PDB file of N, CA and C in Angstrom:
ATOM      1  N   ILE A   1      12.578 -47.367  -7.604  1.00  0.00           N
ATOM      2  CA  ILE A   1      13.243 -46.592  -7.414  1.00  0.00           C
ATOM      3  C   ILE A   1      12.058 -45.231  -6.447  1.00  0.00           C
ATOM      4  N   GLN A   2      12.474 -44.379  -5.944  1.00  0.00           N
ATOM      5  CA  GLN A   2      11.835 -43.651  -4.822  1.00  0.00           C
ATOM      6  C   GLN A   2      10.751 -42.900  -5.587  1.00  0.00           C
ATOM      7  N   THR A   3       9.637 -42.942  -4.955  1.00  0.00           N
ATOM      8  CA  THR A   3       8.649 -41.937  -5.364  1.00  0.00           C
ATOM      9  C   THR A   3       8.132 -41.304  -4.728  1.00  0.00           C
ATOM     10  N   SER A   4       7.025 -40.555  -4.482  1.00  0.00           N
ATOM     11  CA  SER A   4       6.375 -39.406  -3.625  1.00  0.00           C
ATOM     12  C   SER A   4       5.131 -38.772  -4.456  1.00  0.00           C
ATOM     13  N   PHE A   5       4.402 -38.698  -3.371  1.00  0.00           N
ATOM     14  CA  PHE A   5       3.093 -38.403  -4.120  1.00  0.00           C
ATOM     15  C   PHE A   5       2.485 -36.998  -2.958  1.00  0.00           C
ATOM     16  N   LEU A   6       1.506 -36.107  -3.386  1.00  0.00           N
ATOM     17  CA  LEU A   6       1.016 -35.437  -2.486  1.00  0.00           C
ATOM     18  C   LEU A   6      -0.311 -35.605  -2.910  1.00  0.00           C
ATOM     19  N   ILE A   7      -1.186 -35.709  -1.791  1.00  0.00           N
ATOM     20  CA  ILE A   7      -2.658 -36.003  -1.608  1.00  0.00           C
ATOM     21  C   ILE A   7      -3.205 -34.701  -0.693  1.00  0.00           C
ATOM     22  N   PRO A   8      -3.960 -33.548  -1.694  1.00  0.00           N
ATOM     23  CA  PRO A   8      -4.497 -32.879  -0.813  1.00  0.00           C
ATOM     24  C   PRO A   8      -5.556 -33.143   0.505  1.00  0.00           C
ATOM     25  N   LEU A   9      -5.580 -32.088   1.324  1.00  0.00           N
ATOM     26  CA  LEU A   9      -6.452 -32.498   2.579  1.00  0.00           C
ATOM     27  C   LEU A   9      -7.987 -32.338   1.973  1.00  0.00           C
ATOM     28  N   HIS A  10      -8.116 -31.639   1.612  1.00  0.00           N
ATOM     29  CA  HIS A  10      -9.648 -31.514   1.135  1.00  0.00           C
ATOM     30  C   HIS A  10      -9.795 -31.585  -0.246  1.00  0.00           C
ATOM     31  N   GLU A  11     -10.895 -31.923  -0.684  1.00  0.00           N
ATOM     32  CA  GLU A  11     -11.684 -32.764  -1.774  1.00  0.00           C
ATOM     33  C   GLU A  11     -11.227 -31.656  -2.707  1.00  0.00           C
ATOM     34  N   ASP A  12     -11.460 -31.392  -4.303  1.00  0.00           N
ATOM     35  CA  ASP A  12     -11.514 -30.346  -5.081  1.00  0.00           C
ATOM     36  C   ASP A  12     -12.603 -29.343  -5.156  1.00  0.00           C
ATOM     37  N   LYS A  13     -12.529 -28.952  -4.891  1.00  0.00           N
ATOM     38  CA  LYS A  13     -13.727 -27.735  -5.079  1.00  0.00           C
ATOM     39  C   LYS A  13     -14.671 -28.516  -6.330  1.00  0.00           C
ATOM     40  N   ASP A  14     -14.127 -28.096  -7.544  1.00  0.00           N
ATOM     41  CA  ASP A  14     -14.697 -28.363  -9.132  1.00  0.00           C
ATOM     42  C   ASP A  14     -15.109 -30.273  -8.957  1.00  0.00           C
ATOM     43  N   ILE A  15     -14.707 -30.922  -7.950  1.00  0.00           N
ATOM     44  CA  ILE A  15     -15.566 -31.804  -8.590  1.00  0.00           C
ATOM     45  C   ILE A  15     -15.947 -32.584  -7.146  1.00  0.00           C
ATOM     46  N   GLY A  16     -15.397 -32.043  -5.844  1.00  0.00           N
ATOM     47  CA  GLY A  16     -16.463 -32.343  -4.846  1.00  0.00           C
ATOM     48  C   GLY A  16     -16.716 -31.117  -4.557  1.00  0.00           C
ATOM     49  N   ASN A  17     -16.789 -31.009  -2.411  1.00  0.00           N
ATOM     50  CA  ASN A  17     -17.292 -29.890  -2.174  1.00  0.00           C
ATOM     51  C   ASN A  17     -16.377 -29.115  -1.139  1.00  0.00           C
ATOM     52  N   GLY A  18     -15.198 -29.470  -1.444  1.00  0.00           N
ATOM     53  CA  GLY A  18     -14.154 -28.796  -0.473  1.00  0.00           C
ATOM     54  C   GLY A  18     -13.618 -28.760   0.586  1.00  0.00           C
ATOM     55  N   ARG A  19     -14.154 -30.330   1.088  1.00  0.00           N
ATOM     56  CA  ARG A  19     -14.433 -30.359   2.298  1.00  0.00           C
ATOM     57  C   ARG A  19     -13.629 -31.528   2.571  1.00  0.00           C
ATOM     58  N   LEU A  20     -12.281 -31.311   3.949  1.00  0.00           N
ATOM     59  CA  LEU A  20     -12.030 -32.688   4.755  1.00  0.00           C
ATOM     60  C   LEU A  20     -11.958 -33.530   4.439  1.00  0.00           C
ATOM     61  N   HIS A  21     -11.353 -34.195   3.818  1.00  0.00           N
ATOM     62  CA  HIS A  21     -11.178 -36.146   3.621  1.00  0.00           C
ATOM     63  C   HIS A  21     -11.850 -36.739   5.437  1.00  0.00           C
ATOM     64  N   PRO A  22     -12.830 -37.905   4.611  1.00  0.00           N
ATOM     65  CA  PRO A  22     -12.558 -38.155   6.580  1.00  0.00           C
ATOM     66  C   PRO A  22     -11.723 -39.145   6.456  1.00  0.00           C
ATOM     67  N   GLN A  23     -10.837 -39.531   7.754  1.00  0.00           N
ATOM     68  CA  GLN A  23     -10.349 -40.537   8.125  1.00  0.00           C
ATOM     69  C   GLN A  23     -10.516 -41.751   7.327  1.00  0.00           C
ATOM     70  N   THR A  24     -11.719 -42.426   7.539  1.00  0.00           N
ATOM     71  CA  THR A  24     -11.862 -43.912   6.753  1.00  0.00           C
ATOM     72  C   THR A  24     -11.656 -43.380   4.924  1.00  0.00           C
ATOM     73  N   ARG A  25     -11.224 -42.855   4.934  1.00  0.00           N
ATOM     74  CA  ARG A  25     -11.289 -42.408   3.701  1.00  0.00           C
ATOM     75  C   ARG A  25      -9.610 -42.395   2.741  1.00  0.00           C
ATOM     76  N   TRP A  26      -8.374 -42.000   4.184  1.00  0.00           N
ATOM     77  CA  TRP A  26      -7.435 -42.228   4.070  1.00  0.00           C
ATOM     78  C   TRP A  26      -7.001 -43.799   4.460  1.00  0.00           C
ATOM     79  N   LYS A  27      -8.136 -44.687   5.388  1.00  0.00           N
ATOM     80  CA  LYS A  27      -7.394 -45.549   5.369  1.00  0.00           C
ATOM     81  C   LYS A  27      -7.577 -46.156   4.330  1.00  0.00           C
ATOM     82  N   GLN A  28      -8.761 -46.088   3.600  1.00  0.00           N
ATOM     83  CA  GLN A  28      -9.089 -47.125   3.019  1.00  0.00           C
ATOM     84  C   GLN A  28      -8.020 -46.666   1.976  1.00  0.00           C
ATOM     85  N   PHE A  29      -7.471 -45.758   1.237  1.00  0.00           N
ATOM     86  CA  PHE A  29      -6.308 -45.326   0.456  1.00  0.00           C
ATOM     87  C   PHE A  29      -5.136 -46.018   1.245  1.00  0.00           C
ATOM     88  N   GLN A  30      -4.455 -46.364   1.912  1.00  0.00           N
ATOM     89  CA  GLN A  30      -3.805 -46.797   2.635  1.00  0.00           C
ATOM     90  C   GLN A  30      -3.233 -48.485   2.570  1.00  0.00           C
ATOM     91  N   ARG A  31      -5.088 -48.570   2.634  1.00  0.00           N
ATOM     92  CA  ARG A  31      -4.813 -49.519   3.039  1.00  0.00           C
ATOM     93  C   ARG A  31      -5.013 -51.241   1.762  1.00  0.00           C
ATOM     94  N   LYS A  32      -5.395 -50.012   0.228  1.00  0.00           N
ATOM     95  CA  LYS A  32      -5.114 -50.762  -1.224  1.00  0.00           C
ATOM     96  C   LYS A  32      -3.717 -49.852  -1.673  1.00  0.00           C
ATOM     97  N   LEU A  33      -3.127 -48.819  -0.977  1.00  0.00           N
ATOM     98  CA  LEU A  33      -2.016 -48.779  -1.554  1.00  0.00           C
ATOM     99  C   LEU A  33      -0.696 -49.954  -1.078  1.00  0.00           C
ATOM    100  N   TYR A  34      -1.110 -50.891  -0.183  1.00  0.00           N
ATOM    101  CA  TYR A  34      -0.722 -51.616   0.748  1.00  0.00           C
ATOM    102  C   TYR A  34      -1.177 -52.770   0.149  1.00  0.00           C
ATOM    103  N   ASN A  35      -1.960 -52.901   0.122  1.00  0.00           N
ATOM    104  CA  ASN A  35      -2.303 -54.520  -0.661  1.00  0.00           C
ATOM    105  C   ASN A  35      -1.726 -54.451  -2.317  1.00  0.00           C
ATOM    106  N   ALA A  36      -1.814 -53.167  -2.999  1.00  0.00           N
ATOM    107  CA  ALA A  36      -1.022 -53.625  -3.959  1.00  0.00           C
ATOM    108  C   ALA A  36       0.476 -53.379  -3.822  1.00  0.00           C
ATOM    109  N   PHE A  37       1.279 -52.802  -3.154  1.00  0.00           N
ATOM    110  CA  PHE A  37       2.782 -52.495  -3.578  1.00  0.00           C
ATOM    111  C   PHE A  37       3.321 -52.960  -2.039  1.00  0.00           C
ATOM    112  N   GLY A  38       2.833 -52.724  -0.842  1.00  0.00           N
ATOM    113  CA  GLY A  38       3.451 -53.778  -0.038  1.00  0.00           C
ATOM    114  C   GLY A  38       3.661 -52.970   0.938  1.00  0.00           C
ATOM    115  N   ALA A  39       3.418 -51.812   0.997  1.00  0.00           N
ATOM    116  CA  ALA A  39       4.077 -50.803   1.694  1.00  0.00           C
ATOM    117  C   ALA A  39       3.678 -49.480   1.080  1.00  0.00           C
ATOM    118  N   TRP A  40       4.086 -48.550   2.029  1.00  0.00           N
ATOM    119  CA  TRP A  40       4.200 -46.909   2.185  1.00  0.00           C
ATOM    120  C   TRP A  40       4.452 -46.178   3.236  1.00  0.00           C
ATOM    121  N   THR A  41       4.612 -45.199   2.855  1.00  0.00           N
ATOM    122  CA  THR A  41       5.522 -44.175   4.371  1.00  0.00           C
ATOM    123  C   THR A  41       4.839 -42.772   4.673  1.00  0.00           C
ATOM    124  N   LEU A  42       4.116 -42.361   4.845  1.00  0.00           N
ATOM    125  CA  LEU A  42       3.555 -40.984   5.296  1.00  0.00           C
ATOM    126  C   LEU A  42       4.473 -39.870   6.131  1.00  0.00           C
ATOM    127  N   ALA A  43       5.093 -38.934   5.112  1.00  0.00           N
ATOM    128  CA  ALA A  43       6.076 -37.888   5.195  1.00  0.00           C
ATOM    129  C   ALA A  43       5.265 -37.061   6.852  1.00  0.00           C
ATOM    130  N   PRO A  44       6.242 -37.011   7.836  1.00  0.00           N
ATOM    131  CA  PRO A  44       5.965 -35.887   8.938  1.00  0.00           C
ATOM    132  C   PRO A  44       5.205 -34.232   8.418  1.00  0.00           C
ATOM    133  N   GLY A  45       4.064 -34.004   9.064  1.00  0.00           N
ATOM    134  CA  GLY A  45       4.080 -32.700   8.490  1.00  0.00           C
ATOM    135  C   GLY A  45       3.051 -32.794   7.388  1.00  0.00           C
ATOM    136  N   ASN A  46       2.477 -31.920   6.876  1.00  0.00           N
ATOM    137  CA  ASN A  46       1.482 -31.184   5.836  1.00  0.00           C
ATOM    138  C   ASN A  46       2.566 -30.265   5.057  1.00  0.00           C
ATOM    139  N   TYR A  47       2.235 -30.266   3.456  1.00  0.00           N
ATOM    140  CA  TYR A  47       2.962 -29.775   2.983  1.00  0.00           C
ATOM    141  C   TYR A  47       2.021 -28.824   1.738  1.00  0.00           C
ATOM    142  N   LYS A  48       2.545 -27.172   1.982  1.00  0.00           N
ATOM    143  CA  LYS A  48       1.766 -26.582   1.213  1.00  0.00           C
ATOM    144  C   LYS A  48       2.128 -26.072   0.183  1.00  0.00           C
ATOM    145  N   GLY A  49       1.006 -25.437  -0.753  1.00  0.00           N
ATOM    146  CA  GLY A  49       2.136 -25.307  -2.597  1.00  0.00           C
ATOM    147  C   GLY A  49       0.778 -24.897  -3.387  1.00  0.00           C
ATOM    148  N   SER A  50       1.062 -24.377  -4.785  1.00  0.00           N
ATOM    149  CA  SER A  50       0.269 -24.399  -5.863  1.00  0.00           C
ATOM    150  C   SER A  50       0.407 -24.761  -6.643  1.00  0.00           C
ATOM    151  N   TYR A  51      -0.367 -24.942  -7.824  1.00  0.00           N
ATOM    152  CA  TYR A  51      -0.212 -24.966  -8.993  1.00  0.00           C
ATOM    153  C   TYR A  51      -1.042 -24.302  -9.987  1.00  0.00           C
ATOM    154  N   GLU A  52      -0.513 -24.742 -11.792  1.00  0.00           N
ATOM    155  CA  GLU A  52      -1.869 -23.942 -12.266  1.00  0.00           C
ATOM    156  C   GLU A  52      -2.844 -25.413 -12.767  1.00  0.00           C
ATOM    157  N   ASP A  53      -4.070 -25.284 -12.450  1.00  0.00           N
ATOM    158  CA  ASP A  53      -4.861 -26.448 -13.393  1.00  0.00           C
ATOM    159  C   ASP A  53      -4.611 -26.393 -14.788  1.00  0.00           C
ATOM    160  N   PRO A  54      -4.392 -27.532 -15.825  1.00  0.00           N
ATOM    161  CA  PRO A  54      -3.689 -26.793 -17.239  1.00  0.00           C
ATOM    162  C   PRO A  54      -5.364 -27.125 -17.573  1.00  0.00           C
ATOM    163  N   GLU A  55      -6.498 -27.659 -17.092  1.00  0.00           N
ATOM    164  CA  GLU A  55      -8.245 -27.208 -17.974  1.00  0.00           C
ATOM    165  C   GLU A  55      -8.633 -25.989 -17.736  1.00  0.00           C
ATOM    166  N   THR A  56      -8.040 -24.917 -16.213  1.00  0.00           N
ATOM    167  CA  THR A  56      -8.925 -23.625 -16.210  1.00  0.00           C
ATOM    168  C   THR A  56      -7.482 -23.222 -16.788  1.00  0.00           C
ATOM    169  N   GLY A  57      -6.374 -22.986 -16.459  1.00  0.00           N
ATOM    170  CA  GLY A  57      -5.131 -22.039 -16.139  1.00  0.00           C
ATOM    171  C   GLY A  57      -5.672 -21.167 -14.744  1.00  0.00           C
ATOM    172  N   LEU A  58      -5.829 -21.807 -13.596  1.00  0.00           N
ATOM    173  CA  LEU A  58      -6.201 -20.825 -12.395  1.00  0.00           C
ATOM    174  C   LEU A  58      -4.854 -21.702 -11.916  1.00  0.00           C
ATOM    175  N   GLU A  59      -4.438 -20.920 -10.680  1.00  0.00           N
ATOM    176  CA  GLU A  59      -3.808 -20.987  -9.788  1.00  0.00           C
ATOM    177  C   GLU A  59      -5.116 -21.438  -8.559  1.00  0.00           C
ATOM    178  N   VAL A  60      -4.285 -23.489  -8.182  1.00  0.00           N
ATOM    179  CA  VAL A  60      -4.716 -23.581  -7.090  1.00  0.00           C
ATOM    180  C   VAL A  60      -3.935 -24.045  -5.723  1.00  0.00           C
ATOM    181  N   SER A  61      -4.638 -24.149  -4.572  1.00  0.00           N
ATOM    182  CA  SER A  61      -3.511 -23.835  -3.657  1.00  0.00           C
ATOM    183  C   SER A  61      -4.116 -25.373  -2.773  1.00  0.00           C
ATOM    184  N   ASP A  62      -3.323 -25.671  -2.454  1.00  0.00           N
ATOM    185  CA  ASP A  62      -3.252 -26.973  -1.513  1.00  0.00           C
ATOM    186  C   ASP A  62      -2.649 -26.941  -0.029  1.00  0.00           C
ATOM    187  N   LEU A  63      -3.015 -27.500   0.647  1.00  0.00           N
ATOM    188  CA  LEU A  63      -2.376 -28.492   1.797  1.00  0.00           C
ATOM    189  C   LEU A  63      -2.567 -30.017   1.329  1.00  0.00           C
ATOM    190  N   SER A  64      -1.140 -30.513   1.681  1.00  0.00           N
ATOM    191  CA  SER A  64      -1.164 -31.610   1.310  1.00  0.00           C
ATOM    192  C   SER A  64      -1.030 -32.445   2.554  1.00  0.00           C
ATOM    193  N   ARG A  65      -0.917 -33.914   2.083  1.00  0.00           N
ATOM    194  CA  ARG A  65      -0.407 -34.784   3.099  1.00  0.00           C
ATOM    195  C   ARG A  65       0.703 -35.598   1.765  1.00  0.00           C
ATOM    196  N   LYS A  66       2.047 -35.735   2.008  1.00  0.00           N
ATOM    197  CA  LYS A  66       2.541 -36.505   1.402  1.00  0.00           C
ATOM    198  C   LYS A  66       3.167 -37.699   1.455  1.00  0.00           C
ATOM    199  N   PHE A  67       3.111 -38.551   0.704  1.00  0.00           N
ATOM    200  CA  PHE A  67       3.294 -40.358   1.052  1.00  0.00           C
ATOM    201  C   PHE A  67       4.855 -40.261   0.098  1.00  0.00           C
ATOM    202  N   ILE A  68       5.675 -41.503   0.545  1.00  0.00           N
ATOM    203  CA  ILE A  68       6.822 -42.016  -0.116  1.00  0.00           C
ATOM    204  C   ILE A  68       6.470 -43.591  -0.325  1.00  0.00           C
ATOM    205  N   LEU A  69       7.307 -44.122  -1.509  1.00  0.00           N
ATOM    206  CA  LEU A  69       6.859 -45.365  -1.767  1.00  0.00           C
ATOM    207  C   LEU A  69       8.146 -45.599  -2.742  1.00  0.00           C
ATOM    208  N   ALA A  70       9.176 -46.778  -2.388  1.00  0.00           N
ATOM    209  CA  ALA A  70       9.843 -47.523  -3.516  1.00  0.00           C
ATOM    210  C   ALA A  70       9.437 -48.429  -3.671  1.00  0.00           C
ATOM    211  N   VAL A  71       9.834 -48.398  -5.569  1.00  0.00           N
ATOM    212  CA  VAL A  71       8.630 -49.301  -5.691  1.00  0.00           C
ATOM    213  C   VAL A  71      10.413 -49.443  -7.005  1.00  0.00           C
ATOM    214  N   PRO A  72      10.090 -50.990  -8.063  1.00  0.00           N
ATOM    215  CA  PRO A  72      11.207 -51.304  -9.023  1.00  0.00           C
ATOM    216  C   PRO A  72      10.619 -50.520 -10.021  1.00  0.00           C
ATOM    217  N   LYS A  73      11.378 -50.443 -10.659  1.00  0.00           N
ATOM    218  CA  LYS A  73      11.264 -49.597 -11.691  1.00  0.00           C
ATOM    219  C   LYS A  73       9.921 -50.398 -12.607  1.00  0.00           C
ATOM    220  N   LYS A  74       9.829 -51.291 -12.482  1.00  0.00           N
ATOM    221  CA  LYS A  74       9.160 -52.610 -13.430  1.00  0.00           C
ATOM    222  C   LYS A  74       7.963 -52.366 -13.340  1.00  0.00           C
ATOM    223  N   ASP A  75       7.224 -51.492 -11.881  1.00  0.00           N
ATOM    224  CA  ASP A  75       6.029 -51.327 -11.499  1.00  0.00           C
ATOM    225  C   ASP A  75       5.921 -49.675 -11.888  1.00  0.00           C
ATOM    226  N   LEU A  76       6.617 -49.054 -12.160  1.00  0.00           N
ATOM    227  CA  LEU A  76       6.573 -47.490 -12.294  1.00  0.00           C
ATOM    228  C   LEU A  76       4.551 -47.198 -12.336  1.00  0.00           C
ATOM    229  N   LYS A  77       4.353 -48.086 -14.215  1.00  0.00           N
ATOM    230  CA  LYS A  77       3.122 -47.984 -14.966  1.00  0.00           C
ATOM    231  C   LYS A  77       2.390 -48.176 -14.143  1.00  0.00           C
ATOM    232  N   ARG A  78       2.011 -49.650 -13.024  1.00  0.00           N
ATOM    233  CA  ARG A  78       1.024 -50.047 -12.084  1.00  0.00           C
ATOM    234  C   ARG A  78       1.079 -48.824 -10.928  1.00  0.00           C
ATOM    235  N   LEU A  79       1.951 -48.433 -10.420  1.00  0.00           N
ATOM    236  CA  LEU A  79       1.701 -47.556  -9.693  1.00  0.00           C
ATOM    237  C   LEU A  79       0.853 -45.971 -10.374  1.00  0.00           C
ATOM    238  N   ARG A  80       1.386 -45.261 -11.045  1.00  0.00           N
ATOM    239  CA  ARG A  80       1.152 -44.395 -12.221  1.00  0.00           C
ATOM    240  C   ARG A  80      -0.905 -44.998 -12.065  1.00  0.00           C
ATOM    241  N   ASP A  81      -0.713 -45.999 -12.984  1.00  0.00           N
ATOM    242  CA  ASP A  81      -2.032 -46.342 -13.643  1.00  0.00           C
ATOM    243  C   ASP A  81      -3.356 -46.740 -11.505  1.00  0.00           C
ATOM    244  N   PHE A  82      -2.494 -46.794 -10.585  1.00  0.00           N
ATOM    245  CA  PHE A  82      -3.175 -46.703  -9.478  1.00  0.00           C
ATOM    246  C   PHE A  82      -3.695 -46.141  -8.774  1.00  0.00           C
ATOM    247  N   PHE A  83      -2.578 -44.843  -8.958  1.00  0.00           N
ATOM    248  CA  PHE A  83      -2.860 -43.228  -8.467  1.00  0.00           C
ATOM    249  C   PHE A  83      -4.076 -43.071  -9.314  1.00  0.00           C
ATOM    250  N   LYS A  84      -4.284 -42.778 -10.740  1.00  0.00           N
ATOM    251  CA  LYS A  84      -5.219 -42.439 -11.658  1.00  0.00           C
ATOM    252  C   LYS A  84      -6.541 -43.071 -11.351  1.00  0.00           C
ATOM    253  N   LYS A  85      -6.522 -44.533 -11.218  1.00  0.00           N
ATOM    254  CA  LYS A  85      -7.244 -44.941 -10.809  1.00  0.00           C
ATOM    255  C   LYS A  85      -8.144 -44.818  -8.936  1.00  0.00           C
ATOM    256  N   GLU A  86      -7.562 -45.354  -8.363  1.00  0.00           N
ATOM    257  CA  GLU A  86      -7.848 -44.818  -6.810  1.00  0.00           C
ATOM    258  C   GLU A  86      -7.594 -43.657  -6.080  1.00  0.00           C
ATOM    259  N   GLY A  87      -6.673 -42.559  -6.915  1.00  0.00           N
ATOM    260  CA  GLY A  87      -6.726 -41.512  -6.053  1.00  0.00           C
ATOM    261  C   GLY A  87      -8.015 -40.492  -6.202  1.00  0.00           C
ATOM    262  N   ALA A  88      -9.453 -41.358  -7.367  1.00  0.00           N
ATOM    263  CA  ALA A  88     -10.763 -40.893  -7.756  1.00  0.00           C
ATOM    264  C   ALA A  88     -11.355 -40.599  -5.965  1.00  0.00           C
ATOM    265  N   ILE A  89     -10.761 -41.351  -5.183  1.00  0.00           N
ATOM    266  CA  ILE A  89     -11.686 -41.343  -3.683  1.00  0.00           C
ATOM    267  C   ILE A  89     -11.367 -39.969  -3.622  1.00  0.00           C
ATOM    268  N   PHE A  90     -10.073 -39.538  -3.653  1.00  0.00           N
ATOM    269  CA  PHE A  90      -9.951 -37.984  -2.751  1.00  0.00           C
ATOM    270  C   PHE A  90     -10.803 -36.924  -3.543  1.00  0.00           C
ATOM    271  N   ARG A  91     -11.578 -37.314  -4.407  1.00  0.00           N
ATOM    272  CA  ARG A  91     -12.026 -36.158  -5.746  1.00  0.00           C
ATOM    273  C   ARG A  91     -10.962 -35.143  -6.062  1.00  0.00           C
ATOM    274  N   GLN A  92      -9.701 -35.227  -6.700  1.00  0.00           N
ATOM    275  CA  GLN A  92      -9.344 -34.882  -7.470  1.00  0.00           C
ATOM    276  C   GLN A  92      -8.874 -34.602  -8.620  1.00  0.00           C
ATOM    277  N   LYS A  93      -8.627 -34.193  -9.063  1.00  0.00           N
ATOM    278  CA  LYS A  93      -8.281 -33.916 -10.915  1.00  0.00           C
ATOM    279  C   LYS A  93      -6.843 -34.419 -11.114  1.00  0.00           C
ATOM    280  N   TYR A  94      -5.997 -34.453 -10.296  1.00  0.00           N
ATOM    281  CA  TYR A  94      -4.548 -34.404 -10.661  1.00  0.00           C
ATOM    282  C   TYR A  94      -3.894 -34.890  -9.009  1.00  0.00           C
ATOM    283  N   ILE A  95      -3.261 -35.856  -9.557  1.00  0.00           N
ATOM    284  CA  ILE A  95      -2.046 -36.210  -8.097  1.00  0.00           C
ATOM    285  C   ILE A  95      -0.991 -35.557  -8.306  1.00  0.00           C
ATOM    286  N   TYR A  96      -0.076 -34.953  -7.883  1.00  0.00           N
ATOM    287  CA  TYR A  96       1.571 -34.407  -7.613  1.00  0.00           C
ATOM    288  C   TYR A  96       2.311 -35.386  -7.688  1.00  0.00           C
ATOM    289  N   PHE A  97       3.356 -36.456  -8.738  1.00  0.00           N
ATOM    290  CA  PHE A  97       3.738 -37.323  -8.756  1.00  0.00           C
ATOM    291  C   PHE A  97       5.175 -37.394  -8.576  1.00  0.00           C
ATOM    292  N   GLU A  98       5.877 -37.776  -7.815  1.00  0.00           N
ATOM    293  CA  GLU A  98       7.967 -37.650  -8.657  1.00  0.00           C
ATOM    294  C   GLU A  98       8.206 -38.765  -8.335  1.00  0.00           C
ATOM    295  N   ALA A  99       9.137 -39.240  -9.401  1.00  0.00           N
ATOM    296  CA  ALA A  99       9.527 -40.785  -9.313  1.00  0.00           C
ATOM    297  C   ALA A  99      11.239 -40.367 -10.375  1.00  0.00           C
ATOM    298  N   ALA A 100      12.126 -40.382  -9.471  1.00  0.00           N
ATOM    299  CA  ALA A 100      13.347 -40.236  -9.798  1.00  0.00           C
ATOM    300  C   ALA A 100      13.912 -39.200 -10.032  1.00  0.00           C
ATOM    301  N   GLY A 101      13.052 -38.161  -9.079  1.00  0.00           N
ATOM    302  CA  GLY A 101      13.567 -37.137  -9.570  1.00  0.00           C
ATOM    303  C   GLY A 101      12.225 -35.762 -11.007  1.00  0.00           C
ATOM    304  N   LYS A 102      11.725 -36.699 -11.227  1.00  0.00           N
ATOM    305  CA  LYS A 102      10.821 -36.402 -12.407  1.00  0.00           C
ATOM    306  C   LYS A 102       9.331 -35.796 -11.634  1.00  0.00           C
ATOM    307  N   VAL A 103       9.368 -35.209 -12.136  1.00  0.00           N
ATOM    308  CA  VAL A 103       7.466 -34.518 -11.153  1.00  0.00           C
ATOM    309  C   VAL A 103       6.448 -34.710 -12.310  1.00  0.00           C
ATOM    310  N   GLU A 104       5.374 -35.294 -12.400  1.00  0.00           N
ATOM    311  CA  GLU A 104       3.916 -35.325 -13.244  1.00  0.00           C
ATOM    312  C   GLU A 104       2.595 -34.965 -12.178  1.00  0.00           C
ATOM    313  N   LEU A 105       1.958 -34.365 -12.594  1.00  0.00           N
ATOM    314  CA  LEU A 105       0.759 -34.709 -12.537  1.00  0.00           C
ATOM    315  C   LEU A 105       0.051 -35.673 -12.863  1.00  0.00           C
ATOM    316  N   LEU A 106      -0.201 -36.581 -12.093  1.00  0.00           N
ATOM    317  CA  LEU A 106      -0.938 -37.489 -13.116  1.00  0.00           C
ATOM    318  C   LEU A 106      -2.638 -36.910 -13.015  1.00  0.00           C
ATOM    319  N   GLU A 107      -3.423 -37.381 -14.417  1.00  0.00           N
ATOM    320  CA  GLU A 107      -5.108 -37.428 -14.322  1.00  0.00           C
ATOM    321  C   GLU A 107      -5.874 -38.199 -13.683  1.00  0.00           C
ATOM    322  N   VAL A 108      -6.299 -37.991 -12.647  1.00  0.00           N
ATOM    323  CA  VAL A 108      -7.093 -38.733 -11.996  1.00  0.00           C
ATOM    324  C   VAL A 108      -8.503 -39.307 -13.090  1.00  0.00           C
ATOM    325  N   ASN A 109      -8.485 -40.121 -12.831  1.00  0.00           N
ATOM    326  CA  ASN A 109     -10.029 -40.816 -13.604  1.00  0.00           C
ATOM    327  C   ASN A 109     -10.886 -40.685 -12.722  1.00  0.00           C
ATOM    328  N   TYR A 110     -11.986 -39.371 -12.589  1.00  0.00           N
ATOM    329  CA  TYR A 110     -12.371 -39.092 -11.242  1.00  0.00           C
ATOM    330  C   TYR A 110     -14.012 -39.056 -12.209  1.00  0.00           C
ATOM    331  N   GLU A 111     -14.156 -39.090 -13.466  1.00  0.00           N
ATOM    332  CA  GLU A 111     -15.445 -38.823 -13.983  1.00  0.00           C
ATOM    333  C   GLU A 111     -16.402 -39.768 -13.396  1.00  0.00           C
ATOM    334  N   LYS A 112     -16.333 -41.381 -12.959  1.00  0.00           N
ATOM    335  CA  LYS A 112     -17.144 -42.088 -12.658  1.00  0.00           C
ATOM    336  C   LYS A 112     -17.976 -41.602 -11.222  1.00  0.00           C
ATOM    337  N   ILE A 113     -16.929 -40.672 -10.594  1.00  0.00           N
ATOM    338  CA  ILE A 113     -16.910 -40.558  -8.841  1.00  0.00           C
ATOM    339  C   ILE A 113     -18.062 -39.560  -9.405  1.00  0.00           C
ATOM    340  N   LEU A 114     -17.483 -38.340 -10.230  1.00  0.00           N
ATOM    341  CA  LEU A 114     -18.154 -37.047 -10.638  1.00  0.00           C
ATOM    342  C   LEU A 114     -19.573 -37.593 -10.635  1.00  0.00           C
ATOM    343  N   ARG A 115     -19.656 -38.544 -11.436  1.00  0.00           N
ATOM    344  CA  ARG A 115     -21.370 -38.481 -12.368  1.00  0.00           C
ATOM    345  C   ARG A 115     -22.349 -38.940 -10.543  1.00  0.00           C
ATOM    346  N   ASN A 116     -21.755 -39.930  -9.874  1.00  0.00           N
ATOM    347  CA  ASN A 116     -21.888 -40.102  -9.223  1.00  0.00           C
ATOM    348  C   ASN A 116     -22.348 -39.134  -7.633  1.00  0.00           C
ATOM    349  N   TYR A 117     -21.434 -38.507  -7.530  1.00  0.00           N
ATOM    350  CA  TYR A 117     -21.337 -37.364  -7.099  1.00  0.00           C
ATOM    351  C   TYR A 117     -22.133 -36.746  -6.657  1.00  0.00           C
ATOM    352  N   ARG A 118     -22.555 -35.911  -8.489  1.00  0.00           N
ATOM    353  CA  ARG A 118     -24.238 -35.036  -8.545  1.00  0.00           C
ATOM    354  C   ARG A 118     -25.073 -35.409  -8.305  1.00  0.00           C
ATOM    355  N   LYS A 119     -24.791 -37.108  -8.578  1.00  0.00           N
ATOM    356  CA  LYS A 119     -26.821 -37.162  -8.187  1.00  0.00           C
ATOM    357  C   LYS A 119     -27.568 -36.959  -7.212  1.00  0.00           C
TER     358      LYS A 119
END
């Protein structure tokens, strides 16, 4: 099943500081993604969009990178769980995730990073 996901170029201002992600963070994520699933593709260009934050009801605008990854259907839950855990390095509340034409906002498990970040 072909999946895609968007990761904003900047940290979420509610969790992080709104700064641009350093290249080391992207490389670390890509390495973990490859180690877990054996592949990844980065789509060309950046993607501008917005969504309503389910917690605040406010519009959030982002400029994001789009990744594409094909996985067997049996690995979809594992992929979702991967993003919920590893997506926290980007200091995001949610990651836009699409699988077989169905879109969802995956809630990232960012609480541990948030506690460490605000110390």
